[in-house]
Amino acid sequence: MKPKKLSNSPITYFISETGHTQWVLFIHAAFVNHNMFKRQFEYFQDKYNILAIDIIGHGQSTDTQKGDGVDKMSKWIFDILHVENIGKIHIVGVSLGAVLAQDFANHYPNSVSSLACFGGYDVNHFDIKMQKKNGANQMLMMLKALFSVKWFAKENKKISAYTVQAQDEFFDMNVLFPKKSFMFLATLNSMVNKFKTGERNYPLLIGCGSFDIPMELEAIKQWKMSEPDCRVVIFEHAGHCVNMDVPQEFNKTIEDFWASAE
C-alpha cells in the first residue's frame, strides 16, 4: 500500500483498493504503526478495500503543526473518507486504536458499518477508579520512555504481546517511536466519558487476549454489561495485541463478524 496524505492533515494513510464494495479501516495501538496489521492486510487485501492510518506522532504521521493532537483524529479520518469517496466503513481498533475507533463512531455514527475494538475499554462509560489506575500506568511507562526509548520498548513488548514473535515485531516498531510524540497523546482523556452511548445502528464486537492484564479483562466485562447486545471474544494464547499474537484466529473472527453485518 502506498502512503497518501491530505494537505490539511498530518496523518499519513495507506490504501489498497481492489474494486470490492466494502471498506475496512485498521487503527493501530500506541507506540507502533499501521504495520502491526500486516497479517490482516495480507489476508483481507483480496476480499475488501483496505484503509490504514498512522496515528499522529506515529510512523509517517509526524509532520505536525502547533495545536495538533490525538483528539483531532476523528475529524482527520472523516476527511480521508470524504476525499476517498468512502461512505461507510468497517472499523477495527486495537488498544489506543480502539479508543480512537469509538471516538470516531461517537462523532460520525452514520459512517460506520461495524465497530470492532480489542484491548480497549468503553470510552463512554469508563469507571473512574479504573481510569485513574490506567492513567498511573501510562505515566509510569512514559517515564521509562523519557529515560530510554529502547528500555521502554523492551518493557512495553512484554505487556503488549504474548508470543515471542509478536513481542519482537512490536519492539521493532516501538523503538522507532519519537519521545516528542508523547505530547500528541496529552488530549486522550478528553475523549473519555464525553458522550452517552445511544442505540447503535451498526454491530459491535469487543474483546482481548486471555493473557492481557486483569484490568483489561475487567474492562471488557464491564463493557458487556453496559451493552449486552455486543459480541465478546477472548482469544486464547494471546495478550494485548491479539491480532499479532493469534492472527489466524483473529482474521477468521473478524471475517465472520463482517459477514454477519452485511
C-alpha atoms as a PDB file:
ATOM      1  CA  MET A   1       0.000   0.000   0.000  1.00  0.00           C
ATOM      2  CA  LYS A   2       1.294   3.395  -0.977  1.00  0.00           C
ATOM      3  CA  PRO A   3       1.252   6.261   1.539  1.00  0.00           C
ATOM      4  CA  LYS A   4      -1.063   9.211   0.918  1.00  0.00           C
ATOM      5  CA  LYS A   5      -1.703  12.444   2.764  1.00  0.00           C
ATOM      6  CA  LEU A   6      -4.206  15.299   2.741  1.00  0.00           C
ATOM      7  CA  SER A   7      -2.906  18.857   2.524  1.00  0.00           C
ATOM      8  CA  ASN A   8      -4.629  19.968   5.752  1.00  0.00           C
ATOM      9  CA  SER A   9      -3.738  16.964   7.894  1.00  0.00           C
ATOM     10  CA  PRO A  10      -0.592  15.453   9.469  1.00  0.00           C
ATOM     11  CA  ILE A  11      -1.990  11.947   9.023  1.00  0.00           C
ATOM     12  CA  THR A  12      -0.376   9.587   6.529  1.00  0.00           C
ATOM     13  CA  TYR A  13      -2.740   6.882   5.358  1.00  0.00           C
ATOM     14  CA  PHE A  14      -2.465   3.807   3.210  1.00  0.00           C
ATOM     15  CA  ILE A  15      -4.977   2.361   0.762  1.00  0.00           C
ATOM     16  CA  SER A  16      -5.380  -0.935  -1.028  1.00  0.00           C
ATOM     17  CA  GLU A  17      -8.386  -0.561  -3.312  1.00  0.00           C
ATOM     18  CA  THR A  18      -9.165  -3.727  -5.255  1.00  0.00           C
ATOM     19  CA  GLY A  19     -12.625  -2.992  -6.558  1.00  0.00           C
ATOM     20  CA  HIS A  20     -14.609  -4.501  -3.699  1.00  0.00           C
ATOM     21  CA  THR A  21     -17.772  -2.850  -2.411  1.00  0.00           C
ATOM     22  CA  GLN A  22     -16.850  -2.812   1.274  1.00  0.00           C
ATOM     23  CA  TRP A  23     -14.108  -0.883   3.067  1.00  0.00           C
ATOM     24  CA  VAL A  24     -12.182  -1.717   6.235  1.00  0.00           C
ATOM     25  CA  LEU A  25     -10.218   0.725   8.418  1.00  0.00           C
ATOM     26  CA  PHE A  26      -7.475  -0.517  10.745  1.00  0.00           C
ATOM     27  CA  ILE A  27      -6.331   1.733  13.632  1.00  0.00           C
ATOM     28  CA  HIS A  28      -3.184   0.587  15.425  1.00  0.00           C
ATOM     29  CA  ALA A  29      -2.063   0.591  19.057  1.00  0.00           C
ATOM     30  CA  ALA A  30       0.063   3.258  20.716  1.00  0.00           C
ATOM     31  CA  PHE A  31       3.826   3.401  20.088  1.00  0.00           C
ATOM     32  CA  VAL A  32       3.772   1.276  16.912  1.00  0.00           C
ATOM     33  CA  ASN A  33       2.329   1.961  13.435  1.00  0.00           C
ATOM     34  CA  HIS A  34      -0.025   0.590  10.788  1.00  0.00           C
ATOM     35  CA  ASN A  35       2.332  -2.332  10.110  1.00  0.00           C
ATOM     36  CA  MET A  36       1.071  -4.097  13.217  1.00  0.00           C
ATOM     37  CA  PHE A  37      -1.763  -5.202  10.912  1.00  0.00           C
ATOM     38  CA  LYS A  38       0.446  -6.621   8.181  1.00  0.00           C
ATOM     39  CA  ARG A  39      -1.031 -10.111   8.530  1.00  0.00           C
ATOM     40  CA  GLN A  40      -4.519  -8.655   8.290  1.00  0.00           C
ATOM     41  CA  PHE A  41      -3.536  -6.762   5.140  1.00  0.00           C
ATOM     42  CA  GLU A  42      -2.251  -9.981   3.584  1.00  0.00           C
ATOM     43  CA  TYR A  43      -5.396 -11.905   4.473  1.00  0.00           C
ATOM     44  CA  PHE A  44      -8.042  -9.337   3.553  1.00  0.00           C
ATOM     45  CA  GLN A  45      -6.499  -7.493   0.604  1.00  0.00           C
ATOM     46  CA  ASP A  46      -8.287  -9.709  -1.942  1.00  0.00           C
ATOM     47  CA  LYS A  47     -11.612  -9.542  -0.100  1.00  0.00           C
ATOM     48  CA  TYR A  48     -12.046  -5.925   0.994  1.00  0.00           C
ATOM     49  CA  ASN A  49     -10.797  -2.457   0.169  1.00  0.00           C
ATOM     50  CA  ILE A  50      -8.365  -1.586   2.959  1.00  0.00           C
ATOM     51  CA  LEU A  51      -7.607   1.748   4.611  1.00  0.00           C
ATOM     52  CA  ALA A  52      -4.928   2.020   7.303  1.00  0.00           C
ATOM     53  CA  ILE A  53      -3.519   5.050   9.085  1.00  0.00           C
ATOM     54  CA  ASP A  54      -0.559   6.064  11.188  1.00  0.00           C
ATOM     55  CA  ILE A  55      -1.890   7.832  14.288  1.00  0.00           C
ATOM     56  CA  ILE A  56      -0.484  11.312  14.870  1.00  0.00           C
ATOM     57  CA  GLY A  57       3.110  11.139  16.138  1.00  0.00           C
ATOM     58  CA  HIS A  58       3.480   7.537  14.967  1.00  0.00           C
ATOM     59  CA  GLY A  59       5.014   6.056  11.839  1.00  0.00           C
ATOM     60  CA  GLN A  60       4.868   8.548   8.994  1.00  0.00           C
ATOM     61  CA  SER A  61       2.376  10.919  10.674  1.00  0.00           C
ATOM     62  CA  THR A  62       4.949  13.250  12.219  1.00  0.00           C
ATOM     63  CA  ASP A  63       4.616  16.349  10.023  1.00  0.00           C
ATOM     64  CA  THR A  64       2.576  18.233  12.609  1.00  0.00           C
ATOM     65  CA  GLN A  65       1.629  21.791  13.462  1.00  0.00           C
ATOM     66  CA  LYS A  66       1.113  23.592  16.758  1.00  0.00           C
ATOM     67  CA  GLY A  67      -2.140  22.524  18.375  1.00  0.00           C
ATOM     68  CA  ASP A  68      -2.314  19.117  16.698  1.00  0.00           C
ATOM     69  CA  GLY A  69      -3.304  16.269  18.993  1.00  0.00           C
ATOM     70  CA  VAL A  70      -4.865  12.849  19.090  1.00  0.00           C
ATOM     71  CA  ASP A  71      -8.262  14.415  19.847  1.00  0.00           C
ATOM     72  CA  LYS A  72      -8.419  15.581  16.200  1.00  0.00           C
ATOM     73  CA  MET A  73      -8.002  12.090  14.763  1.00  0.00           C
ATOM     74  CA  SER A  74     -11.729  11.566  14.153  1.00  0.00           C
ATOM     75  CA  LYS A  75     -12.001  14.692  12.002  1.00  0.00           C
ATOM     76  CA  TRP A  76      -8.883  13.776  10.041  1.00  0.00           C
ATOM     77  CA  ILE A  77     -10.203  10.257   9.420  1.00  0.00           C
ATOM     78  CA  PHE A  78     -13.561  11.639   8.294  1.00  0.00           C
ATOM     79  CA  ASP A  79     -11.759  13.962   5.872  1.00  0.00           C
ATOM     80  CA  ILE A  80      -9.889  10.973   4.439  1.00  0.00           C
ATOM     81  CA  LEU A  81     -13.155   9.083   3.917  1.00  0.00           C
ATOM     82  CA  HIS A  82     -14.639  12.112   2.179  1.00  0.00           C
ATOM     83  CA  VAL A  83     -11.694  12.593  -0.176  1.00  0.00           C
ATOM     84  CA  GLU A  84     -11.533   8.881  -0.996  1.00  0.00           C
ATOM     85  CA  ASN A  85     -15.305   8.777  -1.551  1.00  0.00           C
ATOM     86  CA  ILE A  86     -15.880   6.172   1.171  1.00  0.00           C
ATOM     87  CA  GLY A  87     -19.412   6.297   2.533  1.00  0.00           C
ATOM     88  CA  LYS A  88     -19.370   3.649   5.251  1.00  0.00           C
ATOM     89  CA  ILE A  89     -16.539   1.560   6.621  1.00  0.00           C
ATOM     90  CA  HIS A  90     -15.881  -1.350   8.971  1.00  0.00           C
ATOM     91  CA  ILE A  91     -13.539  -0.154  11.730  1.00  0.00           C
ATOM     92  CA  VAL A  92     -11.056  -2.281  13.677  1.00  0.00           C
ATOM     93  CA  GLY A  93      -9.096  -0.730  16.527  1.00  0.00           C
ATOM     94  CA  VAL A  94      -6.571  -2.248  18.909  1.00  0.00           C
ATOM     95  CA  SER A  95      -5.679  -0.611  22.255  1.00  0.00           C
ATOM     96  CA  LEU A  96      -5.340   3.132  21.537  1.00  0.00           C
ATOM     97  CA  GLY A  97      -6.862   2.339  18.154  1.00  0.00           C
ATOM     98  CA  ALA A  98      -9.955   1.007  19.940  1.00  0.00           C
ATOM     99  CA  VAL A  99     -10.350   4.328  21.753  1.00  0.00           C
ATOM    100  CA  LEU A 100      -9.991   6.298  18.523  1.00  0.00           C
ATOM    101  CA  ALA A 101     -12.402   3.956  16.739  1.00  0.00           C
ATOM    102  CA  GLN A 102     -15.055   4.644  19.379  1.00  0.00           C
ATOM    103  CA  ASP A 103     -14.438   8.376  19.264  1.00  0.00           C
ATOM    104  CA  PHE A 104     -14.937   8.322  15.502  1.00  0.00           C
ATOM    105  CA  ALA A 105     -18.156   6.328  15.938  1.00  0.00           C
ATOM    106  CA  ASN A 106     -19.359   8.851  18.522  1.00  0.00           C
ATOM    107  CA  HIS A 107     -18.818  11.729  16.104  1.00  0.00           C
ATOM    108  CA  TYR A 108     -19.755  10.056  12.811  1.00  0.00           C
ATOM    109  CA  PRO A 109     -22.049   7.070  13.524  1.00  0.00           C
ATOM    110  CA  ASN A 110     -23.533   7.123  10.028  1.00  0.00           C
ATOM    111  CA  SER A 111     -20.090   6.412   8.557  1.00  0.00           C
ATOM    112  CA  VAL A 112     -19.691   3.147  10.493  1.00  0.00           C
ATOM    113  CA  SER A 113     -20.618  -0.240   9.019  1.00  0.00           C
ATOM    114  CA  SER A 114     -19.379  -2.120  12.073  1.00  0.00           C
ATOM    115  CA  LEU A 115     -17.105  -1.499  15.047  1.00  0.00           C
ATOM    116  CA  ALA A 116     -14.562  -3.980  16.457  1.00  0.00           C
ATOM    117  CA  CYS A 117     -12.476  -2.960  19.477  1.00  0.00           C
ATOM    118  CA  PHE A 118      -9.762  -5.076  21.093  1.00  0.00           C
ATOM    119  CA  GLY A 119      -7.618  -4.341  24.132  1.00  0.00           C
ATOM    120  CA  GLY A 120      -9.695  -1.246  24.827  1.00  0.00           C
ATOM    121  CA  TYR A 121     -12.442  -0.035  27.137  1.00  0.00           C
ATOM    122  CA  ASP A 122     -15.819   1.646  26.819  1.00  0.00           C
ATOM    123  CA  VAL A 123     -14.845   5.303  26.432  1.00  0.00           C
ATOM    124  CA  ASN A 124     -18.401   6.424  27.157  1.00  0.00           C
ATOM    125  CA  HIS A 125     -18.658   4.571  30.490  1.00  0.00           C
ATOM    126  CA  PHE A 126     -15.120   4.216  31.810  1.00  0.00           C
ATOM    127  CA  ASP A 127     -15.033   3.539  35.558  1.00  0.00           C
ATOM    128  CA  ILE A 128     -13.304   6.438  37.318  1.00  0.00           C
ATOM    129  CA  LYS A 129     -11.166   4.166  39.525  1.00  0.00           C
ATOM    130  CA  MET A 130     -10.083   2.160  36.532  1.00  0.00           C
ATOM    131  CA  GLN A 131      -9.390   5.376  34.632  1.00  0.00           C
ATOM    132  CA  LYS A 132      -7.095   6.653  37.383  1.00  0.00           C
ATOM    133  CA  LYS A 133      -5.251   3.338  37.544  1.00  0.00           C
ATOM    134  CA  ASN A 134      -4.861   3.302  33.789  1.00  0.00           C
ATOM    135  CA  GLY A 135      -3.539   6.866  33.866  1.00  0.00           C
ATOM    136  CA  ALA A 136      -0.982   5.973  36.534  1.00  0.00           C
ATOM    137  CA  ASN A 137       0.245   3.030  34.471  1.00  0.00           C
ATOM    138  CA  GLN A 138       0.571   5.246  31.406  1.00  0.00           C
ATOM    139  CA  MET A 139       2.576   7.814  33.365  1.00  0.00           C
ATOM    140  CA  LEU A 140       4.967   5.118  34.551  1.00  0.00           C
ATOM    141  CA  MET A 141       5.500   3.894  31.006  1.00  0.00           C
ATOM    142  CA  MET A 142       6.079   7.445  29.833  1.00  0.00           C
ATOM    143  CA  LEU A 143       8.792   7.978  32.429  1.00  0.00           C
ATOM    144  CA  LYS A 144      10.549   4.848  31.216  1.00  0.00           C
ATOM    145  CA  ALA A 145      10.398   6.124  27.640  1.00  0.00           C
ATOM    146  CA  LEU A 146      11.790   9.529  28.553  1.00  0.00           C
ATOM    147  CA  PHE A 147      14.745   7.772  30.158  1.00  0.00           C
ATOM    148  CA  SER A 148      15.315   5.390  27.246  1.00  0.00           C
ATOM    149  CA  VAL A 149      13.022   4.504  24.343  1.00  0.00           C
ATOM    150  CA  LYS A 150      14.851   1.199  23.910  1.00  0.00           C
ATOM    151  CA  TRP A 151      14.312   0.289  27.555  1.00  0.00           C
ATOM    152  CA  PHE A 152      10.690   1.399  27.244  1.00  0.00           C
ATOM    153  CA  ALA A 153      10.220  -0.763  24.144  1.00  0.00           C
ATOM    154  CA  LYS A 154      11.731  -3.800  25.878  1.00  0.00           C
ATOM    155  CA  GLU A 155       9.340  -3.426  28.811  1.00  0.00           C
ATOM    156  CA  ASN A 156       6.362  -2.478  26.671  1.00  0.00           C
ATOM    157  CA  LYS A 157       6.575  -5.513  24.392  1.00  0.00           C
ATOM    158  CA  LYS A 158       6.057  -7.813  27.392  1.00  0.00           C
ATOM    159  CA  ILE A 159       2.660  -6.315  28.206  1.00  0.00           C
ATOM    160  CA  SER A 160       1.668  -5.665  24.601  1.00  0.00           C
ATOM    161  CA  ALA A 161       2.101  -9.159  23.162  1.00  0.00           C
ATOM    162  CA  TYR A 162       2.269 -12.741  24.421  1.00  0.00           C
ATOM    163  CA  THR A 163       4.118 -14.728  21.761  1.00  0.00           C
ATOM    164  CA  VAL A 164       7.839 -14.198  21.222  1.00  0.00           C
ATOM    165  CA  GLN A 165       7.362 -13.382  17.541  1.00  0.00           C
ATOM    166  CA  ALA A 166       4.718 -10.757  18.257  1.00  0.00           C
ATOM    167  CA  GLN A 167       6.834  -9.260  21.042  1.00  0.00           C
ATOM    168  CA  ASP A 168       9.821  -8.938  18.726  1.00  0.00           C
ATOM    169  CA  GLU A 169       7.708  -7.332  15.991  1.00  0.00           C
ATOM    170  CA  PHE A 170       6.170  -4.937  18.495  1.00  0.00           C
ATOM    171  CA  PHE A 171       9.612  -3.977  19.798  1.00  0.00           C
ATOM    172  CA  ASP A 172      10.918  -3.251  16.284  1.00  0.00           C
ATOM    173  CA  MET A 173       8.102  -0.729  15.746  1.00  0.00           C
ATOM    174  CA  ASN A 174       8.060   0.667  19.298  1.00  0.00           C
ATOM    175  CA  VAL A 175      11.773   1.523  19.295  1.00  0.00           C
ATOM    176  CA  LEU A 176      11.108   3.943  16.409  1.00  0.00           C
ATOM    177  CA  PHE A 177       8.566   5.962  18.429  1.00  0.00           C
ATOM    178  CA  PRO A 178       9.853   9.541  18.936  1.00  0.00           C
ATOM    179  CA  LYS A 179       9.903  10.808  22.517  1.00  0.00           C
ATOM    180  CA  LYS A 180       8.385  14.111  21.445  1.00  0.00           C
ATOM    181  CA  SER A 181       5.287  12.307  20.182  1.00  0.00           C
ATOM    182  CA  PHE A 182       4.068  11.752  23.730  1.00  0.00           C
ATOM    183  CA  MET A 183       2.756  15.319  23.668  1.00  0.00           C
ATOM    184  CA  PHE A 184       0.244  14.405  20.968  1.00  0.00           C
ATOM    185  CA  LEU A 185      -1.369  11.888  23.344  1.00  0.00           C
ATOM    186  CA  ALA A 186      -1.997  14.509  26.035  1.00  0.00           C
ATOM    187  CA  THR A 187      -5.577  15.120  24.859  1.00  0.00           C
ATOM    188  CA  LEU A 188      -6.571  11.449  25.001  1.00  0.00           C
ATOM    189  CA  ASN A 189      -8.618  11.832  28.193  1.00  0.00           C
ATOM    190  CA  SER A 190     -10.811  14.444  26.500  1.00  0.00           C
ATOM    191  CA  MET A 191     -12.500  11.566  24.635  1.00  0.00           C
ATOM    192  CA  VAL A 192     -13.404   9.638  27.781  1.00  0.00           C
ATOM    193  CA  ASN A 193     -16.922   9.845  29.288  1.00  0.00           C
ATOM    194  CA  LYS A 194     -17.784  12.700  26.931  1.00  0.00           C
ATOM    195  CA  PHE A 195     -20.623  11.004  25.038  1.00  0.00           C
ATOM    196  CA  LYS A 196     -23.590   8.875  26.077  1.00  0.00           C
ATOM    197  CA  THR A 197     -23.912   5.705  24.061  1.00  0.00           C
ATOM    198  CA  GLY A 198     -27.140   5.735  22.088  1.00  0.00           C
ATOM    199  CA  GLU A 199     -28.693   2.949  20.078  1.00  0.00           C
ATOM    200  CA  ARG A 200     -26.044   1.765  17.657  1.00  0.00           C
ATOM    201  CA  ASN A 201     -27.089   1.364  14.019  1.00  0.00           C
ATOM    202  CA  TYR A 202     -24.174  -0.998  13.463  1.00  0.00           C
ATOM    203  CA  PRO A 203     -22.903  -4.166  15.219  1.00  0.00           C
ATOM    204  CA  LEU A 204     -20.231  -4.021  17.931  1.00  0.00           C
ATOM    205  CA  LEU A 205     -17.550  -6.621  18.685  1.00  0.00           C
ATOM    206  CA  ILE A 206     -15.243  -6.283  21.688  1.00  0.00           C
ATOM    207  CA  GLY A 207     -12.518  -8.474  23.140  1.00  0.00           C
ATOM    208  CA  CYS A 208      -8.962  -9.035  24.289  1.00  0.00           C
ATOM    209  CA  GLY A 209      -6.459 -11.816  24.883  1.00  0.00           C
ATOM    210  CA  SER A 210      -6.715 -14.285  27.757  1.00  0.00           C
ATOM    211  CA  PHE A 211      -3.207 -13.214  28.839  1.00  0.00           C
ATOM    212  CA  ASP A 212      -3.969  -9.484  28.797  1.00  0.00           C
ATOM    213  CA  ILE A 213      -3.703  -7.646  32.117  1.00  0.00           C
ATOM    214  CA  PRO A 214      -6.557  -8.250  34.617  1.00  0.00           C
ATOM    215  CA  MET A 215      -7.747  -4.653  34.304  1.00  0.00           C
ATOM    216  CA  GLU A 216      -8.373  -5.143  30.581  1.00  0.00           C
ATOM    217  CA  LEU A 217     -10.365  -8.328  31.168  1.00  0.00           C
ATOM    218  CA  GLU A 218     -12.429  -6.459  33.739  1.00  0.00           C
ATOM    219  CA  ALA A 219     -12.945  -3.566  31.324  1.00  0.00           C
ATOM    220  CA  ILE A 220     -14.351  -5.958  28.716  1.00  0.00           C
ATOM    221  CA  LYS A 221     -16.638  -7.491  31.328  1.00  0.00           C
ATOM    222  CA  GLN A 222     -17.989  -4.075  32.335  1.00  0.00           C
ATOM    223  CA  TRP A 223     -18.445  -3.036  28.711  1.00  0.00           C
ATOM    224  CA  LYS A 224     -20.506  -6.162  28.012  1.00  0.00           C
ATOM    225  CA  MET A 225     -22.711  -5.355  30.992  1.00  0.00           C
ATOM    226  CA  SER A 226     -23.417  -1.851  29.681  1.00  0.00           C
ATOM    227  CA  GLU A 227     -24.013  -3.077  26.119  1.00  0.00           C
ATOM    228  CA  PRO A 228     -25.421  -6.628  26.384  1.00  0.00           C
ATOM    229  CA  ASP A 229     -26.134  -6.827  22.649  1.00  0.00           C
ATOM    230  CA  CYS A 230     -22.463  -6.575  21.704  1.00  0.00           C
ATOM    231  CA  ARG A 231     -20.388  -9.632  20.870  1.00  0.00           C
ATOM    232  CA  VAL A 232     -17.412 -10.605  23.025  1.00  0.00           C
ATOM    233  CA  VAL A 233     -14.411 -12.745  22.164  1.00  0.00           C
ATOM    234  CA  ILE A 234     -11.495 -13.644  24.438  1.00  0.00           C
ATOM    235  CA  PHE A 235      -8.614 -15.011  22.373  1.00  0.00           C
ATOM    236  CA  GLU A 236      -6.692 -17.853  23.968  1.00  0.00           C
ATOM    237  CA  HIS A 237      -2.869 -17.760  23.879  1.00  0.00           C
ATOM    238  CA  ALA A 238      -2.929 -14.004  23.221  1.00  0.00           C
ATOM    239  CA  GLY A 239      -2.035 -10.860  25.122  1.00  0.00           C
ATOM    240  CA  HIS A 240      -2.952  -7.228  24.451  1.00  0.00           C
ATOM    241  CA  CYS A 241      -2.378  -7.038  20.693  1.00  0.00           C
ATOM    242  CA  VAL A 242      -4.438 -10.066  19.756  1.00  0.00           C
ATOM    243  CA  ASN A 243      -4.142  -9.538  16.010  1.00  0.00           C
ATOM    244  CA  MET A 244      -0.363 -10.015  16.287  1.00  0.00           C
ATOM    245  CA  ASP A 245      -0.401 -12.933  18.737  1.00  0.00           C
ATOM    246  CA  VAL A 246      -3.043 -15.082  17.022  1.00  0.00           C
ATOM    247  CA  PRO A 247      -3.510 -13.624  13.519  1.00  0.00           C
ATOM    248  CA  GLN A 248      -5.304 -16.627  12.033  1.00  0.00           C
ATOM    249  CA  GLU A 249      -7.921 -16.782  14.781  1.00  0.00           C
ATOM    250  CA  PHE A 250      -8.253 -13.010  14.733  1.00  0.00           C
ATOM    251  CA  ASN A 251      -8.746 -12.835  10.964  1.00  0.00           C
ATOM    252  CA  LYS A 252     -11.395 -15.571  10.986  1.00  0.00           C
ATOM    253  CA  THR A 253     -13.263 -13.921  13.865  1.00  0.00           C
ATOM    254  CA  ILE A 254     -13.273 -10.547  12.130  1.00  0.00           C
ATOM    255  CA  GLU A 255     -14.287 -12.059   8.807  1.00  0.00           C
ATOM    256  CA  ASP A 256     -17.258 -13.851  10.377  1.00  0.00           C
ATOM    257  CA  PHE A 257     -18.253 -10.662  12.190  1.00  0.00           C
ATOM    258  CA  TRP A 258     -18.217  -8.606   8.999  1.00  0.00           C
ATOM    259  CA  ALA A 259     -20.171 -11.267   7.129  1.00  0.00           C
ATOM    260  CA  SER A 260     -22.911 -11.104   9.755  1.00  0.00           C
ATOM    261  CA  ALA A 261     -23.029  -7.320   9.420  1.00  0.00           C
ATOM    262  CA  GLU A 262     -23.756  -7.405   5.680  1.00  0.00           C
END
